[in-house]
């Protein structure tokens, strides 16, 4: 009977160890598509895809690199200054940014606008979003393709979990983030 209990205890210990080790599992991003080097094949992104690498110069002079946020939840919002629906949701994104949710980063990427245009737009509209950059060339948009903007991609620990086309409200963004933080 003691032997049976010992074997059972060992099996339970092995099972618990196996289950717990899976909780901190890291995503293998070694084959990650890369907009900077144009490696990998751009494709429509879906749930479970590795988020393509890119580097973006931000308006505040800093740089956003996707792989540096692989341990976080990243809300990528693709927009343009001339896009009415994009402009409409900016106050909601700003409100979300001001909450400073631990482990969540917001990166707003203006597609096709130059830094001067985006800077003037941000100043005129009194926006203060955390990560605003502009991708004047098309490389990032090729690796995060969509036919419409605004386009939002939620990346959790380097993996695409949600994509949304169209305007979203603060409440819908908040629900989306809470789905992965709770």
N, C-alpha and C. Protein backbone atom coordinates (compact mmCIF):
# COMPACT_ATOMS: atom_id res chain seq x y z
N UNK A 1 0.81 -1.18 0.00
CA UNK A 1 0.00 0.00 0.00
C UNK A 1 0.86 1.26 0.00
N UNK A 2 1.97 1.25 0.77
CA UNK A 2 2.87 2.39 0.80
C UNK A 2 3.48 2.64 -0.58
N UNK A 3 3.81 1.55 -1.27
CA UNK A 3 4.40 1.68 -2.61
C UNK A 3 3.40 2.33 -3.57
N UNK A 4 2.13 1.95 -3.47
CA UNK A 4 1.10 2.52 -4.33
C UNK A 4 0.93 4.02 -4.05
N UNK A 5 0.96 4.40 -2.79
CA UNK A 5 0.86 5.82 -2.43
C UNK A 5 2.07 6.59 -2.94
N UNK A 6 3.24 6.02 -2.82
CA UNK A 6 4.47 6.67 -3.29
C UNK A 6 4.42 6.88 -4.80
N UNK A 7 3.99 5.86 -5.53
CA UNK A 7 3.88 5.97 -6.99
C UNK A 7 2.84 7.02 -7.36
N UNK A 8 1.72 7.01 -6.66
CA UNK A 8 0.67 8.00 -6.91
C UNK A 8 1.18 9.42 -6.66
N UNK A 9 1.90 9.59 -5.56
CA UNK A 9 2.44 10.91 -5.22
C UNK A 9 3.42 11.38 -6.29
N UNK A 10 4.25 10.48 -6.77
CA UNK A 10 5.22 10.82 -7.81
C UNK A 10 4.50 11.20 -9.11
N UNK A 11 3.48 10.43 -9.48
CA UNK A 11 2.72 10.73 -10.69
C UNK A 11 2.02 12.09 -10.58
N UNK A 12 1.47 12.39 -9.43
CA UNK A 12 0.82 13.69 -9.21
C UNK A 12 1.85 14.81 -9.31
N UNK A 13 3.02 14.63 -8.73
CA UNK A 13 4.09 15.62 -8.79
C UNK A 13 4.53 15.86 -10.23
N UNK A 14 4.68 14.78 -10.99
CA UNK A 14 5.08 14.91 -12.41
C UNK A 14 4.01 15.65 -13.20
N UNK A 15 2.75 15.31 -12.97
CA UNK A 15 1.64 15.95 -13.66
C UNK A 15 1.58 17.45 -13.33
N UNK A 16 1.72 17.78 -12.05
CA UNK A 16 1.69 19.19 -11.64
C UNK A 16 2.85 19.96 -12.25
N UNK A 17 4.02 19.38 -12.26
CA UNK A 17 5.19 20.02 -12.85
C UNK A 17 4.97 20.26 -14.34
N UNK A 18 4.43 19.28 -15.03
CA UNK A 18 4.17 19.43 -16.46
C UNK A 18 3.14 20.52 -16.73
N UNK A 19 2.10 20.58 -15.94
CA UNK A 19 1.07 21.60 -16.12
C UNK A 19 1.60 22.99 -15.83
N UNK A 20 2.35 23.14 -14.74
CA UNK A 20 2.88 24.44 -14.37
C UNK A 20 3.93 24.93 -15.34
N UNK A 21 4.74 24.04 -15.89
CA UNK A 21 5.77 24.49 -16.83
C UNK A 21 5.15 25.02 -18.11
N UNK A 22 3.98 24.57 -18.46
CA UNK A 22 3.30 25.07 -19.65
C UNK A 22 2.73 26.47 -19.45
N UNK A 23 2.58 26.93 -18.22
CA UNK A 23 2.01 28.24 -17.94
C UNK A 23 2.92 29.37 -18.39
N UNK A 24 4.22 29.16 -18.35
CA UNK A 24 5.17 30.20 -18.74
C UNK A 24 5.78 29.94 -20.11
N UNK A 25 5.11 29.14 -20.89
CA UNK A 25 5.62 28.77 -22.19
C UNK A 25 5.80 30.01 -23.06
N UNK A 26 6.95 30.11 -23.70
CA UNK A 26 7.24 31.22 -24.60
C UNK A 26 6.97 30.80 -26.04
N UNK A 27 6.53 31.73 -26.82
CA UNK A 27 6.27 31.49 -28.22
C UNK A 27 7.59 31.53 -28.98
N UNK A 28 7.80 30.56 -29.86
CA UNK A 28 9.00 30.55 -30.69
C UNK A 28 8.81 31.55 -31.82
N UNK A 29 9.58 32.62 -31.80
CA UNK A 29 9.46 33.66 -32.82
C UNK A 29 10.67 33.67 -33.75
N UNK A 30 11.43 32.58 -33.78
CA UNK A 30 12.63 32.55 -34.62
C UNK A 30 12.33 32.64 -36.11
N UNK A 31 11.16 32.19 -36.52
CA UNK A 31 10.77 32.27 -37.93
C UNK A 31 9.84 33.45 -38.19
N UNK A 32 9.89 34.44 -37.34
CA UNK A 32 8.99 35.59 -37.41
C UNK A 32 9.20 36.36 -38.72
N UNK A 33 8.11 36.64 -39.44
CA UNK A 33 8.22 37.53 -40.61
C UNK A 33 8.74 38.89 -40.15
N UNK A 34 9.48 39.57 -41.03
CA UNK A 34 10.13 40.81 -40.62
C UNK A 34 9.96 41.89 -41.68
N UNK A 35 9.21 42.93 -41.35
CA UNK A 35 8.98 44.03 -42.28
C UNK A 35 10.25 44.85 -42.50
N UNK A 36 11.13 44.89 -41.50
CA UNK A 36 12.36 45.67 -41.63
C UNK A 36 13.29 45.08 -42.68
N UNK A 37 13.42 43.76 -42.67
CA UNK A 37 14.34 43.08 -43.60
C UNK A 37 13.60 42.48 -44.78
N UNK A 38 12.28 42.59 -44.76
CA UNK A 38 11.42 42.02 -45.80
C UNK A 38 11.65 40.51 -45.97
N UNK A 39 11.78 39.83 -44.83
CA UNK A 39 11.89 38.37 -44.85
C UNK A 39 10.58 37.77 -44.37
N UNK A 40 10.30 36.58 -44.87
CA UNK A 40 9.02 35.96 -44.59
C UNK A 40 8.00 36.48 -45.59
N UNK A 41 6.91 35.80 -45.68
CA UNK A 41 5.88 36.16 -46.65
C UNK A 41 4.76 36.94 -45.98
N UNK A 42 4.51 38.17 -46.44
CA UNK A 42 3.36 38.91 -45.90
C UNK A 42 2.07 38.17 -46.22
N UNK A 43 1.15 38.15 -45.27
CA UNK A 43 -0.13 37.49 -45.47
C UNK A 43 -1.16 38.10 -44.54
N UNK A 44 -2.42 37.84 -44.83
CA UNK A 44 -3.47 38.29 -43.93
C UNK A 44 -3.26 37.59 -42.59
N UNK A 45 -3.31 38.35 -41.52
CA UNK A 45 -3.04 37.80 -40.19
C UNK A 45 -4.30 37.26 -39.55
N UNK A 46 -4.13 36.19 -38.81
CA UNK A 46 -5.24 35.60 -38.09
C UNK A 46 -4.80 35.11 -36.72
N UNK A 47 -5.74 34.67 -35.93
CA UNK A 47 -5.48 34.18 -34.58
C UNK A 47 -4.43 33.07 -34.62
N UNK A 48 -3.38 33.25 -33.84
CA UNK A 48 -2.32 32.25 -33.74
C UNK A 48 -1.09 32.55 -34.57
N UNK A 49 -1.16 33.53 -35.47
CA UNK A 49 0.01 33.90 -36.26
C UNK A 49 1.01 34.66 -35.40
N UNK A 50 2.28 34.46 -35.68
CA UNK A 50 3.33 35.25 -35.02
C UNK A 50 3.24 36.68 -35.55
N UNK A 51 3.26 37.64 -34.66
CA UNK A 51 3.21 39.04 -35.07
C UNK A 51 4.50 39.41 -35.80
N UNK A 52 4.40 39.89 -37.02
CA UNK A 52 5.62 40.26 -37.76
C UNK A 52 6.42 41.34 -37.03
N UNK A 53 7.72 41.22 -37.15
CA UNK A 53 8.65 42.19 -36.58
C UNK A 53 8.59 43.48 -37.39
N UNK A 54 8.75 44.60 -36.72
CA UNK A 54 8.94 45.89 -37.39
C UNK A 54 9.55 46.85 -36.40
N UNK A 55 10.17 47.87 -36.94
CA UNK A 55 10.70 48.96 -36.14
C UNK A 55 10.04 50.23 -36.63
N UNK A 56 9.57 51.04 -35.71
CA UNK A 56 8.85 52.25 -36.06
C UNK A 56 9.42 53.43 -35.30
N UNK A 57 9.77 54.49 -36.03
CA UNK A 57 10.20 55.73 -35.38
C UNK A 57 8.95 56.45 -34.89
N UNK A 58 8.97 56.78 -33.61
CA UNK A 58 7.82 57.44 -33.00
C UNK A 58 7.99 58.96 -33.03
N UNK A 59 6.89 59.66 -32.91
CA UNK A 59 6.93 61.12 -32.98
C UNK A 59 7.74 61.74 -31.86
N UNK A 60 7.83 61.06 -30.71
CA UNK A 60 8.58 61.62 -29.60
C UNK A 60 10.09 61.39 -29.72
N UNK A 61 10.51 60.77 -30.85
CA UNK A 61 11.93 60.54 -31.10
C UNK A 61 12.41 59.17 -30.67
N UNK A 62 11.59 58.42 -29.98
CA UNK A 62 11.97 57.07 -29.58
C UNK A 62 11.61 56.08 -30.69
N UNK A 63 11.90 54.82 -30.43
CA UNK A 63 11.66 53.77 -31.41
C UNK A 63 10.82 52.67 -30.78
N UNK A 64 9.86 52.17 -31.53
CA UNK A 64 9.06 51.03 -31.10
C UNK A 64 9.51 49.84 -31.93
N UNK A 65 9.90 48.76 -31.26
CA UNK A 65 10.29 47.52 -31.94
C UNK A 65 9.37 46.43 -31.43
N UNK A 66 8.65 45.79 -32.33
CA UNK A 66 7.63 44.81 -31.94
C UNK A 66 8.18 43.73 -31.02
N UNK A 67 9.34 43.17 -31.34
CA UNK A 67 9.89 42.06 -30.54
C UNK A 67 10.24 42.46 -29.12
N UNK A 68 10.43 43.74 -28.87
CA UNK A 68 10.73 44.19 -27.51
C UNK A 68 9.50 44.16 -26.60
N UNK A 69 8.36 43.83 -27.18
CA UNK A 69 7.11 43.79 -26.42
C UNK A 69 6.49 42.39 -26.43
N UNK A 70 7.32 41.38 -26.67
CA UNK A 70 6.81 40.01 -26.75
C UNK A 70 6.29 39.47 -25.43
N UNK A 71 6.59 40.13 -24.33
CA UNK A 71 6.09 39.66 -23.04
C UNK A 71 4.86 40.45 -22.60
N UNK A 72 4.28 41.24 -23.52
CA UNK A 72 3.16 42.11 -23.19
C UNK A 72 1.96 41.84 -24.10
N UNK A 73 0.92 42.58 -23.82
CA UNK A 73 -0.23 42.68 -24.72
C UNK A 73 -0.03 43.99 -25.48
N UNK A 74 -0.07 43.90 -26.80
CA UNK A 74 0.13 45.09 -27.63
C UNK A 74 -1.11 45.31 -28.50
N UNK A 75 -1.66 46.50 -28.41
CA UNK A 75 -2.76 46.90 -29.27
C UNK A 75 -2.17 47.76 -30.38
N UNK A 76 -2.13 47.22 -31.59
CA UNK A 76 -1.63 47.96 -32.75
C UNK A 76 -2.83 48.54 -33.47
N UNK A 77 -2.82 49.84 -33.67
CA UNK A 77 -3.92 50.50 -34.37
C UNK A 77 -3.36 51.19 -35.60
N UNK A 78 -3.81 50.75 -36.78
CA UNK A 78 -3.38 51.33 -38.05
C UNK A 78 -4.42 52.36 -38.47
N UNK A 79 -3.98 53.57 -38.78
CA UNK A 79 -4.88 54.67 -39.04
C UNK A 79 -4.22 55.65 -40.01
N UNK A 80 -4.94 56.70 -40.35
CA UNK A 80 -4.40 57.78 -41.18
C UNK A 80 -5.09 59.08 -40.80
N UNK A 81 -4.40 60.18 -40.98
CA UNK A 81 -4.94 61.49 -40.60
C UNK A 81 -6.15 61.88 -41.44
N UNK A 82 -6.24 61.37 -42.65
CA UNK A 82 -7.34 61.71 -43.57
C UNK A 82 -8.54 60.78 -43.43
N UNK A 83 -8.46 59.80 -42.54
CA UNK A 83 -9.51 58.78 -42.38
C UNK A 83 -10.47 59.20 -41.27
N UNK A 84 -11.69 59.59 -41.65
CA UNK A 84 -12.69 60.04 -40.68
C UNK A 84 -12.96 59.05 -39.56
N UNK A 85 -13.22 57.75 -39.88
CA UNK A 85 -13.44 56.78 -38.81
C UNK A 85 -12.23 56.61 -37.88
N UNK A 86 -11.02 56.75 -38.44
CA UNK A 86 -9.81 56.65 -37.62
C UNK A 86 -9.75 57.80 -36.62
N UNK A 87 -10.01 58.99 -37.13
CA UNK A 87 -9.97 60.19 -36.29
C UNK A 87 -11.03 60.10 -35.19
N UNK A 88 -12.19 59.53 -35.53
CA UNK A 88 -13.29 59.41 -34.58
C UNK A 88 -12.91 58.58 -33.35
N UNK A 89 -12.10 57.52 -33.55
CA UNK A 89 -11.78 56.65 -32.42
C UNK A 89 -10.53 57.09 -31.63
N UNK A 90 -9.82 58.09 -32.10
CA UNK A 90 -8.61 58.53 -31.40
C UNK A 90 -8.86 58.94 -29.94
N UNK A 91 -9.92 59.70 -29.63
CA UNK A 91 -10.15 60.03 -28.21
C UNK A 91 -10.36 58.79 -27.34
N UNK A 92 -10.99 57.74 -27.89
CA UNK A 92 -11.18 56.51 -27.12
C UNK A 92 -9.86 55.79 -26.89
N UNK A 93 -8.99 55.79 -27.90
CA UNK A 93 -7.67 55.19 -27.73
C UNK A 93 -6.85 55.98 -26.71
N UNK A 94 -6.96 57.30 -26.77
CA UNK A 94 -6.25 58.14 -25.80
C UNK A 94 -6.73 57.85 -24.38
N UNK A 95 -8.04 57.73 -24.20
CA UNK A 95 -8.60 57.42 -22.87
C UNK A 95 -8.04 56.08 -22.36
N UNK A 96 -7.98 55.11 -23.25
CA UNK A 96 -7.44 53.79 -22.89
C UNK A 96 -5.96 53.90 -22.53
N UNK A 97 -5.22 54.67 -23.29
CA UNK A 97 -3.80 54.88 -23.02
C UNK A 97 -3.58 55.51 -21.64
N UNK A 98 -4.41 56.48 -21.29
CA UNK A 98 -4.25 57.17 -20.01
C UNK A 98 -4.51 56.26 -18.81
N UNK A 99 -5.16 55.14 -19.02
CA UNK A 99 -5.37 54.20 -17.92
C UNK A 99 -4.09 53.51 -17.49
N UNK A 100 -3.08 53.48 -18.36
CA UNK A 100 -1.80 52.84 -18.06
C UNK A 100 -2.00 51.44 -17.49
N UNK A 101 -2.64 50.59 -18.26
CA UNK A 101 -2.90 49.22 -17.84
C UNK A 101 -1.58 48.45 -17.82
N UNK A 102 -1.21 47.88 -16.67
CA UNK A 102 0.05 47.14 -16.58
C UNK A 102 0.12 46.01 -17.61
N UNK A 103 1.26 45.94 -18.29
CA UNK A 103 1.48 44.87 -19.27
C UNK A 103 0.82 45.09 -20.61
N UNK A 104 0.24 46.29 -20.83
CA UNK A 104 -0.43 46.60 -22.09
C UNK A 104 0.23 47.82 -22.72
N UNK A 105 0.56 47.69 -24.00
CA UNK A 105 1.15 48.78 -24.77
C UNK A 105 0.25 49.09 -25.95
N UNK A 106 0.07 50.37 -26.22
CA UNK A 106 -0.71 50.81 -27.37
C UNK A 106 0.25 51.45 -28.36
N UNK A 107 0.17 51.03 -29.61
CA UNK A 107 1.00 51.60 -30.66
C UNK A 107 0.10 51.97 -31.83
N UNK A 108 0.01 53.26 -32.10
CA UNK A 108 -0.81 53.76 -33.21
C UNK A 108 0.11 54.09 -34.38
N UNK A 109 -0.15 53.47 -35.51
CA UNK A 109 0.72 53.57 -36.68
C UNK A 109 -0.04 54.24 -37.81
N UNK A 110 0.37 55.45 -38.13
CA UNK A 110 -0.24 56.15 -39.24
C UNK A 110 0.36 55.62 -40.53
N UNK A 111 -0.50 55.17 -41.43
CA UNK A 111 -0.06 54.57 -42.69
C UNK A 111 -0.09 55.62 -43.80
N UNK A 112 1.05 55.82 -44.43
CA UNK A 112 1.10 56.69 -45.61
C UNK A 112 1.29 58.17 -45.31
N UNK A 113 1.15 58.59 -44.07
CA UNK A 113 1.38 59.99 -43.72
C UNK A 113 2.84 60.18 -43.33
N UNK A 114 3.39 61.35 -43.59
CA UNK A 114 4.74 61.63 -43.15
C UNK A 114 4.72 62.17 -41.71
N UNK A 115 5.89 62.23 -41.10
CA UNK A 115 5.99 62.62 -39.69
C UNK A 115 5.47 64.04 -39.46
N UNK A 116 5.72 64.94 -40.39
CA UNK A 116 5.25 66.32 -40.23
C UNK A 116 3.72 66.38 -40.20
N UNK A 117 3.08 65.67 -41.12
CA UNK A 117 1.62 65.66 -41.19
C UNK A 117 1.02 65.07 -39.92
N UNK A 118 1.58 63.95 -39.47
CA UNK A 118 1.07 63.31 -38.25
C UNK A 118 1.32 64.20 -37.03
N UNK A 119 2.50 64.79 -36.97
CA UNK A 119 2.80 65.69 -35.85
C UNK A 119 1.85 66.87 -35.78
N UNK A 120 1.55 67.47 -36.92
CA UNK A 120 0.59 68.58 -36.96
C UNK A 120 -0.80 68.11 -36.54
N UNK A 121 -1.20 66.94 -37.02
CA UNK A 121 -2.51 66.38 -36.67
C UNK A 121 -2.61 66.15 -35.16
N UNK A 122 -1.59 65.54 -34.59
CA UNK A 122 -1.57 65.25 -33.15
C UNK A 122 -1.64 66.55 -32.36
N UNK A 123 -0.88 67.57 -32.78
CA UNK A 123 -0.90 68.85 -32.08
C UNK A 123 -2.24 69.55 -32.20
N UNK A 124 -2.79 69.59 -33.39
CA UNK A 124 -4.07 70.24 -33.62
C UNK A 124 -5.19 69.59 -32.82
N UNK A 125 -5.14 68.26 -32.73
CA UNK A 125 -6.20 67.52 -32.04
C UNK A 125 -5.88 67.25 -30.58
N UNK A 126 -4.77 67.83 -30.11
CA UNK A 126 -4.36 67.69 -28.71
C UNK A 126 -4.32 66.24 -28.24
N UNK A 127 -3.74 65.41 -29.07
CA UNK A 127 -3.62 63.99 -28.73
C UNK A 127 -2.30 63.74 -28.03
N UNK A 128 -2.31 62.81 -27.14
CA UNK A 128 -1.11 62.44 -26.40
C UNK A 128 -1.11 60.93 -26.25
N UNK A 129 -1.15 60.23 -27.34
CA UNK A 129 -1.14 58.77 -27.27
C UNK A 129 0.27 58.28 -27.00
N UNK A 130 0.36 57.15 -26.33
CA UNK A 130 1.64 56.61 -25.91
C UNK A 130 2.63 56.33 -27.01
N UNK A 131 2.22 55.64 -28.02
CA UNK A 131 3.12 55.30 -29.10
C UNK A 131 2.45 55.70 -30.41
N UNK A 132 2.83 56.85 -30.94
CA UNK A 132 2.32 57.28 -32.24
C UNK A 132 3.52 57.36 -33.17
N UNK A 133 3.41 56.65 -34.26
CA UNK A 133 4.45 56.69 -35.27
C UNK A 133 3.81 56.73 -36.64
N UNK A 134 4.63 57.00 -37.62
CA UNK A 134 4.09 57.02 -38.97
C UNK A 134 4.96 56.13 -39.86
N UNK A 135 4.27 55.33 -40.64
CA UNK A 135 4.93 54.43 -41.59
C UNK A 135 4.69 55.00 -42.98
N UNK A 136 5.53 55.97 -43.36
CA UNK A 136 5.36 56.63 -44.65
C UNK A 136 5.58 55.64 -45.80
N UNK A 137 6.49 54.67 -45.59
CA UNK A 137 6.63 53.64 -46.62
C UNK A 137 5.61 52.54 -46.35
N UNK A 138 5.58 51.53 -47.18
CA UNK A 138 4.52 50.51 -47.07
C UNK A 138 4.96 49.22 -46.41
N UNK A 139 6.19 49.12 -45.96
CA UNK A 139 6.71 47.84 -45.45
C UNK A 139 5.87 47.28 -44.30
N UNK A 140 5.58 48.09 -43.29
CA UNK A 140 4.80 47.59 -42.15
C UNK A 140 3.40 47.18 -42.61
N UNK A 141 2.78 48.01 -43.44
CA UNK A 141 1.44 47.71 -43.93
C UNK A 141 1.42 46.42 -44.77
N UNK A 142 2.50 46.10 -45.43
CA UNK A 142 2.56 44.85 -46.20
C UNK A 142 2.54 43.65 -45.27
N UNK A 143 3.15 43.76 -44.11
CA UNK A 143 3.21 42.63 -43.18
C UNK A 143 2.03 42.60 -42.21
N UNK A 144 1.28 43.68 -42.17
CA UNK A 144 0.03 43.76 -41.41
C UNK A 144 -1.06 44.21 -42.40
N UNK A 145 -1.33 43.38 -43.41
CA UNK A 145 -2.19 43.84 -44.50
C UNK A 145 -3.68 43.90 -44.14
N UNK A 146 -4.34 44.89 -44.73
CA UNK A 146 -5.78 45.04 -44.63
C UNK A 146 -6.23 45.92 -45.78
N UNK A 147 -7.47 45.78 -46.14
CA UNK A 147 -8.02 46.63 -47.19
C UNK A 147 -8.64 47.89 -46.62
N UNK A 148 -8.79 47.96 -45.30
CA UNK A 148 -9.50 49.08 -44.68
C UNK A 148 -8.79 49.53 -43.42
N UNK A 149 -8.97 50.80 -43.10
CA UNK A 149 -8.54 51.34 -41.81
C UNK A 149 -9.72 52.08 -41.23
N UNK A 150 -9.80 52.22 -39.93
CA UNK A 150 -8.85 51.73 -38.96
C UNK A 150 -8.84 50.20 -38.89
N UNK A 151 -7.66 49.71 -38.60
CA UNK A 151 -7.41 48.28 -38.50
C UNK A 151 -6.66 48.07 -37.21
N UNK A 152 -7.17 47.19 -36.36
CA UNK A 152 -6.55 46.96 -35.06
C UNK A 152 -6.15 45.50 -34.93
N UNK A 153 -4.94 45.28 -34.44
CA UNK A 153 -4.42 43.94 -34.22
C UNK A 153 -4.03 43.85 -32.76
N UNK A 154 -4.57 42.87 -32.06
CA UNK A 154 -4.19 42.63 -30.67
C UNK A 154 -3.20 41.48 -30.64
N UNK A 155 -2.02 41.76 -30.10
CA UNK A 155 -0.94 40.78 -30.02
C UNK A 155 -0.72 40.45 -28.55
N UNK A 156 -0.73 39.18 -28.23
CA UNK A 156 -0.52 38.73 -26.85
C UNK A 156 0.72 37.84 -26.85
N UNK A 157 1.74 38.30 -26.15
CA UNK A 157 3.01 37.56 -26.04
C UNK A 157 3.55 37.15 -27.42
N UNK A 158 3.52 38.10 -28.35
CA UNK A 158 4.10 37.90 -29.68
C UNK A 158 3.20 37.19 -30.68
N UNK A 159 1.97 36.86 -30.27
CA UNK A 159 1.06 36.11 -31.13
C UNK A 159 -0.21 36.92 -31.38
N UNK A 160 -0.62 36.98 -32.63
CA UNK A 160 -1.86 37.67 -32.98
C UNK A 160 -3.03 36.90 -32.38
N UNK A 161 -3.87 37.62 -31.63
CA UNK A 161 -5.05 36.99 -31.02
C UNK A 161 -6.36 37.54 -31.58
N UNK A 162 -6.36 38.78 -32.02
CA UNK A 162 -7.59 39.38 -32.55
C UNK A 162 -7.20 40.37 -33.65
N UNK A 163 -8.04 40.47 -34.68
CA UNK A 163 -7.94 41.53 -35.66
C UNK A 163 -9.32 42.13 -35.84
N UNK A 164 -9.37 43.45 -35.97
CA UNK A 164 -10.65 44.13 -36.11
C UNK A 164 -10.51 45.23 -37.15
N UNK A 165 -11.50 45.32 -38.03
CA UNK A 165 -11.54 46.37 -39.03
C UNK A 165 -12.69 47.30 -38.68
N UNK A 166 -12.44 48.60 -38.76
CA UNK A 166 -13.48 49.57 -38.49
C UNK A 166 -13.29 50.26 -37.15
N UNK A 167 -14.13 51.24 -36.92
CA UNK A 167 -14.07 52.04 -35.71
C UNK A 167 -14.51 51.23 -34.51
N UNK A 168 -13.80 51.41 -33.42
CA UNK A 168 -14.16 50.77 -32.16
C UNK A 168 -14.27 51.82 -31.08
N UNK A 169 -15.02 51.50 -30.07
CA UNK A 169 -15.21 52.41 -28.94
C UNK A 169 -14.24 52.05 -27.82
N UNK A 170 -14.14 52.95 -26.88
CA UNK A 170 -13.36 52.69 -25.68
C UNK A 170 -13.81 51.38 -25.04
N UNK A 171 -15.13 51.21 -24.89
CA UNK A 171 -15.67 50.02 -24.24
C UNK A 171 -15.29 48.74 -24.98
N UNK A 172 -15.33 48.76 -26.30
CA UNK A 172 -14.98 47.54 -27.04
C UNK A 172 -13.48 47.24 -26.92
N UNK A 173 -12.65 48.27 -26.94
CA UNK A 173 -11.21 48.05 -26.74
C UNK A 173 -10.94 47.54 -25.32
N UNK A 174 -11.61 48.10 -24.36
CA UNK A 174 -11.43 47.70 -22.96
C UNK A 174 -11.83 46.24 -22.76
N UNK A 175 -12.99 45.84 -23.34
CA UNK A 175 -13.42 44.44 -23.24
C UNK A 175 -12.40 43.51 -23.89
N UNK A 176 -11.88 43.92 -25.03
CA UNK A 176 -10.90 43.10 -25.74
C UNK A 176 -9.64 42.90 -24.90
N UNK A 177 -9.13 43.96 -24.33
CA UNK A 177 -7.94 43.85 -23.49
C UNK A 177 -8.23 43.04 -22.24
N UNK A 178 -9.37 43.28 -21.61
CA UNK A 178 -9.72 42.54 -20.40
C UNK A 178 -9.82 41.03 -20.66
N UNK A 179 -10.21 40.68 -21.84
CA UNK A 179 -10.31 39.25 -22.21
C UNK A 179 -8.97 38.54 -22.02
N UNK A 180 -7.88 39.30 -22.19
CA UNK A 180 -6.54 38.69 -22.09
C UNK A 180 -5.78 39.08 -20.84
N UNK A 181 -6.33 39.97 -20.04
CA UNK A 181 -5.64 40.36 -18.81
C UNK A 181 -6.27 39.79 -17.55
N UNK A 182 -7.48 39.29 -17.67
CA UNK A 182 -8.16 38.77 -16.47
C UNK A 182 -7.96 37.29 -16.33
